[in-house]
């Protein structure tokens, strides 16, 4: 293939996005929140993980043996999907999750209502969000106006990776989903819940070192 002019297997990606003049200022602001959370306030990182597939393998896999990796059958049976919304306490590393049936502003603000009811009066709440439609909708903005102790901080466009909850989702994917086998949607939800419960028992905050400034190569 190296001597061919046409190489369809090679794909080079790029990002077409609107100009964001204050990208680095917004990125730095989010990182400053992680590195120095507001005194006396609760700092949460919130997002949804949607359409998590409950799949079971058609045929059982085989475990690892000396000199051979475990094997997993590629055919599977679908048993539906589940979605959840999660909030990470940046200071403690603990996570609150809730299974959702719809990913919209009404569902999202209902989750915020739950958080608002759990947090003692007099404690300010700061939430880090990406620019998803449920977070930026008029309904959500109206909720925030009605709850002045809650302040939303948005990552720059195309920078949802700055939202710490994504680290939790990544760990969940590796530990539960990637090689998981789920007999039903309920089985999937039970295993997601078990993972979060066990994780919270030994939760630790992420050690955030990135400052939100351009990464430059040093000479």
Protein backbone atom coordinates (compact mmCIF):
# COMPACT_ATOMS: atom_id res chain seq x y z
CA UNK A 1 0.00 0.00 0.00
CA UNK A 2 2.92 2.36 0.59
CA UNK A 3 3.57 2.84 -3.15
CA UNK A 4 -0.06 3.69 -4.04
CA UNK A 5 -1.16 7.26 -4.70
CA UNK A 6 -4.63 6.71 -3.21
CA UNK A 7 -4.66 5.62 0.45
CA UNK A 8 -8.30 5.51 1.66
CA UNK A 9 -7.20 3.93 4.93
CA UNK A 10 -5.38 7.12 5.90
CA UNK A 11 -7.70 9.78 7.31
CA UNK A 12 -6.54 13.13 8.60
CA UNK A 13 -9.03 14.95 10.81
CA UNK A 14 -9.43 18.61 11.56
CA UNK A 15 -11.80 20.76 13.53
CA UNK A 16 -14.05 23.31 11.87
CA UNK A 17 -15.37 25.56 14.63
CA UNK A 18 -16.41 29.10 15.30
CA UNK A 19 -13.74 31.49 16.43
CA UNK A 20 -13.48 31.73 20.21
CA UNK A 21 -11.27 34.74 20.98
CA UNK A 22 -11.39 34.15 24.73
CA UNK A 23 -10.75 30.38 24.52
CA UNK A 24 -7.64 30.38 26.69
CA UNK A 25 -9.05 32.82 29.22
CA UNK A 26 -12.08 30.57 29.69
CA UNK A 27 -9.91 27.46 29.88
CA UNK A 28 -7.68 29.11 32.46
CA UNK A 29 -10.73 30.15 34.50
CA UNK A 30 -11.96 26.54 34.71
CA UNK A 31 -8.52 25.31 35.71
CA UNK A 32 -8.21 28.03 38.36
CA UNK A 33 -11.47 26.76 39.88
CA UNK A 34 -10.01 23.26 40.18
CA UNK A 35 -6.68 24.45 41.58
CA UNK A 36 -8.22 26.95 44.02
CA UNK A 37 -11.92 26.19 44.62
CA UNK A 38 -14.09 29.01 46.00
CA UNK A 39 -13.78 29.15 49.78
CA UNK A 40 -16.72 27.66 51.67
CA UNK A 41 -18.53 26.66 48.46
CA UNK A 42 -19.37 23.34 46.83
CA UNK A 43 -17.65 22.89 43.44
CA UNK A 44 -19.24 20.32 41.15
CA UNK A 45 -18.38 19.05 37.69
CA UNK A 46 -21.54 17.83 35.95
CA UNK A 47 -22.38 16.13 32.66
CA UNK A 48 -24.49 13.37 31.11
CA UNK A 49 -23.35 10.04 29.68
CA UNK A 50 -26.02 8.90 27.26
CA UNK A 51 -26.97 5.82 25.23
CA UNK A 52 -24.87 3.36 27.21
CA UNK A 53 -25.51 0.04 25.51
CA UNK A 54 -26.56 -3.02 27.52
CA UNK A 55 -25.05 -5.81 25.45
CA UNK A 56 -24.41 -9.47 26.11
CA UNK A 57 -21.99 -11.59 24.08
CA UNK A 58 -23.55 -14.28 21.92
CA UNK A 59 -20.81 -16.70 22.88
CA UNK A 60 -18.68 -16.79 26.02
CA UNK A 61 -15.13 -15.55 25.85
CA UNK A 62 -12.05 -17.36 27.06
CA UNK A 63 -9.80 -16.19 29.89
CA UNK A 64 -6.16 -15.29 29.57
CA UNK A 65 -3.62 -18.07 29.61
CA UNK A 66 0.18 -17.92 29.70
CA UNK A 67 1.31 -16.27 26.50
CA UNK A 68 -2.23 -15.53 25.25
CA UNK A 69 -4.51 -12.57 25.88
CA UNK A 70 -8.15 -13.13 26.89
CA UNK A 71 -10.51 -13.56 23.97
CA UNK A 72 -13.87 -11.91 23.53
CA UNK A 73 -16.52 -12.81 20.96
CA UNK A 74 -17.43 -9.84 18.74
CA UNK A 75 -21.10 -10.80 18.19
CA UNK A 76 -23.52 -9.52 20.79
CA UNK A 77 -27.22 -9.16 21.63
CA UNK A 78 -28.69 -5.74 22.40
CA UNK A 79 -30.82 -5.24 25.50
CA UNK A 80 -31.47 -1.51 25.23
CA UNK A 81 -29.58 1.48 26.55
CA UNK A 82 -29.30 3.56 29.70
CA UNK A 83 -28.29 7.17 30.28
CA UNK A 84 -27.17 8.93 33.41
CA UNK A 85 -26.28 12.36 34.71
CA UNK A 86 -23.43 12.66 37.19
CA UNK A 87 -21.96 15.30 39.47
CA UNK A 88 -18.38 15.08 40.74
CA UNK A 89 -17.47 16.86 43.97
CA UNK A 90 -14.14 18.32 42.89
CA UNK A 91 -12.87 18.66 46.47
CA UNK A 92 -13.60 15.09 47.61
CA UNK A 93 -13.81 13.03 44.41
CA UNK A 94 -17.22 11.66 45.37
CA UNK A 95 -19.83 11.26 42.62
CA UNK A 96 -23.63 11.53 42.63
CA UNK A 97 -25.38 9.83 39.71
CA UNK A 98 -28.95 9.49 38.51
CA UNK A 99 -30.37 7.38 35.69
CA UNK A 100 -32.32 9.54 33.23
CA UNK A 101 -34.81 8.65 30.50
CA UNK A 102 -34.42 11.90 28.55
CA UNK A 103 -31.47 14.23 28.09
CA UNK A 104 -33.06 17.67 28.10
CA UNK A 105 -33.17 20.85 30.16
CA UNK A 106 -36.17 19.72 32.26
CA UNK A 107 -34.36 16.53 33.27
CA UNK A 108 -31.16 18.43 33.92
CA UNK A 109 -32.76 21.04 36.17
CA UNK A 110 -34.56 18.27 38.06
CA UNK A 111 -31.10 16.91 38.88
CA UNK A 112 -30.02 20.39 39.96
CA UNK A 113 -33.13 20.51 42.18
CA UNK A 114 -31.95 17.32 43.84
CA UNK A 115 -28.50 18.80 44.46
CA UNK A 116 -30.01 22.04 45.73
CA UNK A 117 -32.09 20.09 48.25
CA UNK A 118 -29.06 18.11 49.48
CA UNK A 119 -26.73 21.08 49.99
CA UNK A 120 -27.19 22.97 53.28
CA UNK A 121 -28.63 26.47 53.09
CA UNK A 122 -26.01 29.17 53.06
CA UNK A 123 -23.56 27.13 50.98
CA UNK A 124 -22.86 28.46 47.51
CA UNK A 125 -22.78 25.99 44.63
CA UNK A 126 -20.46 26.32 41.64
CA UNK A 127 -20.94 23.95 38.71
CA UNK A 128 -18.63 23.32 35.76
CA UNK A 129 -20.54 22.50 32.57
CA UNK A 130 -19.86 22.02 28.89
CA UNK A 131 -21.97 23.71 26.24
CA UNK A 132 -24.49 20.89 25.76
CA UNK A 133 -28.01 21.93 24.84
CA UNK A 134 -29.46 20.86 28.20
CA UNK A 135 -26.96 23.13 29.97
CA UNK A 136 -27.37 26.24 27.83
CA UNK A 137 -31.15 26.09 27.26
CA UNK A 138 -33.39 28.99 28.30
CA UNK A 139 -35.06 26.70 30.82
CA UNK A 140 -31.72 26.02 32.54
CA UNK A 141 -30.73 29.69 32.49
CA UNK A 142 -34.08 30.56 34.09
CA UNK A 143 -33.47 27.93 36.80
CA UNK A 144 -30.09 29.48 37.58
CA UNK A 145 -31.67 32.93 37.92
CA UNK A 146 -34.19 31.49 40.37
CA UNK A 147 -31.36 29.88 42.38
CA UNK A 148 -28.78 32.65 42.79
CA UNK A 149 -26.52 30.60 45.04
CA UNK A 150 -25.78 28.37 42.03
CA UNK A 151 -23.17 29.73 39.60
CA UNK A 152 -22.49 27.99 36.28
CA UNK A 153 -19.02 28.03 34.71
CA UNK A 154 -18.87 26.86 31.09
CA UNK A 155 -15.89 25.28 29.41
CA UNK A 156 -14.90 26.84 26.06
CA UNK A 157 -16.59 25.34 22.97
CA UNK A 158 -14.99 22.03 21.94
CA UNK A 159 -13.23 21.75 25.29
CA UNK A 160 -15.54 19.50 27.27
CA UNK A 161 -12.39 17.50 28.14
CA UNK A 162 -11.76 20.27 30.69
CA UNK A 163 -14.80 19.02 32.61
CA UNK A 164 -13.43 16.73 35.34
CA UNK A 165 -16.48 14.46 35.29
CA UNK A 166 -15.16 13.17 31.97
CA UNK A 167 -12.32 11.54 33.91
CA UNK A 168 -14.90 9.61 35.93
CA UNK A 169 -16.71 8.55 32.77
CA UNK A 170 -13.43 7.40 31.26
CA UNK A 171 -12.63 5.28 34.32
CA UNK A 172 -16.17 3.87 34.32
CA UNK A 173 -15.84 2.90 30.66
CA UNK A 174 -12.58 1.06 31.26
CA UNK A 175 -13.71 -0.69 34.44
CA UNK A 176 -17.32 -1.59 33.59
CA UNK A 177 -18.30 -1.04 29.98
CA UNK A 178 -15.43 -1.89 27.67
CA UNK A 179 -15.41 -5.61 28.37
CA UNK A 180 -18.73 -5.79 30.18
CA UNK A 181 -21.45 -8.35 29.58
CA UNK A 182 -24.97 -7.28 30.57
CA UNK A 183 -27.97 -9.59 30.59
CA UNK A 184 -30.45 -6.68 30.59
CA UNK A 185 -30.77 -2.92 30.93
CA UNK A 186 -31.41 -3.37 34.66
CA UNK A 187 -28.23 -5.45 34.91
CA UNK A 188 -26.28 -2.64 33.28
CA UNK A 189 -27.73 -0.05 35.66
CA UNK A 190 -26.99 -2.26 38.69
CA UNK A 191 -23.35 -2.58 37.63
CA UNK A 192 -23.03 1.15 37.01
CA UNK A 193 -24.48 1.86 40.46
CA UNK A 194 -22.18 -0.69 42.10
CA UNK A 195 -19.14 0.88 40.48
CA UNK A 196 -20.04 4.37 41.71
CA UNK A 197 -20.89 3.14 45.23
CA UNK A 198 -17.58 1.27 45.53
CA UNK A 199 -15.66 4.19 44.05
CA UNK A 200 -17.15 6.62 46.56
CA UNK A 201 -15.97 4.48 49.46
CA UNK A 202 -12.34 5.29 48.60
CA UNK A 203 -12.86 8.48 46.59
CA UNK A 204 -10.01 10.93 46.20
CA UNK A 205 -9.95 14.22 44.30
CA UNK A 206 -8.12 14.37 41.00
CA UNK A 207 -4.71 16.04 41.18
CA UNK A 208 -5.26 18.74 38.56
CA UNK A 209 -1.98 20.22 37.28
CA UNK A 210 -2.97 21.71 33.92
CA UNK A 211 -3.20 25.53 34.12
CA UNK A 212 -5.37 26.12 31.05
CA UNK A 213 -2.64 27.83 29.05
CA UNK A 214 -1.22 26.81 25.65
CA UNK A 215 1.22 23.93 25.94
CA UNK A 216 4.49 25.13 24.44
CA UNK A 217 7.48 23.02 23.50
CA UNK A 218 10.53 23.99 25.51
CA UNK A 219 13.87 24.46 23.83
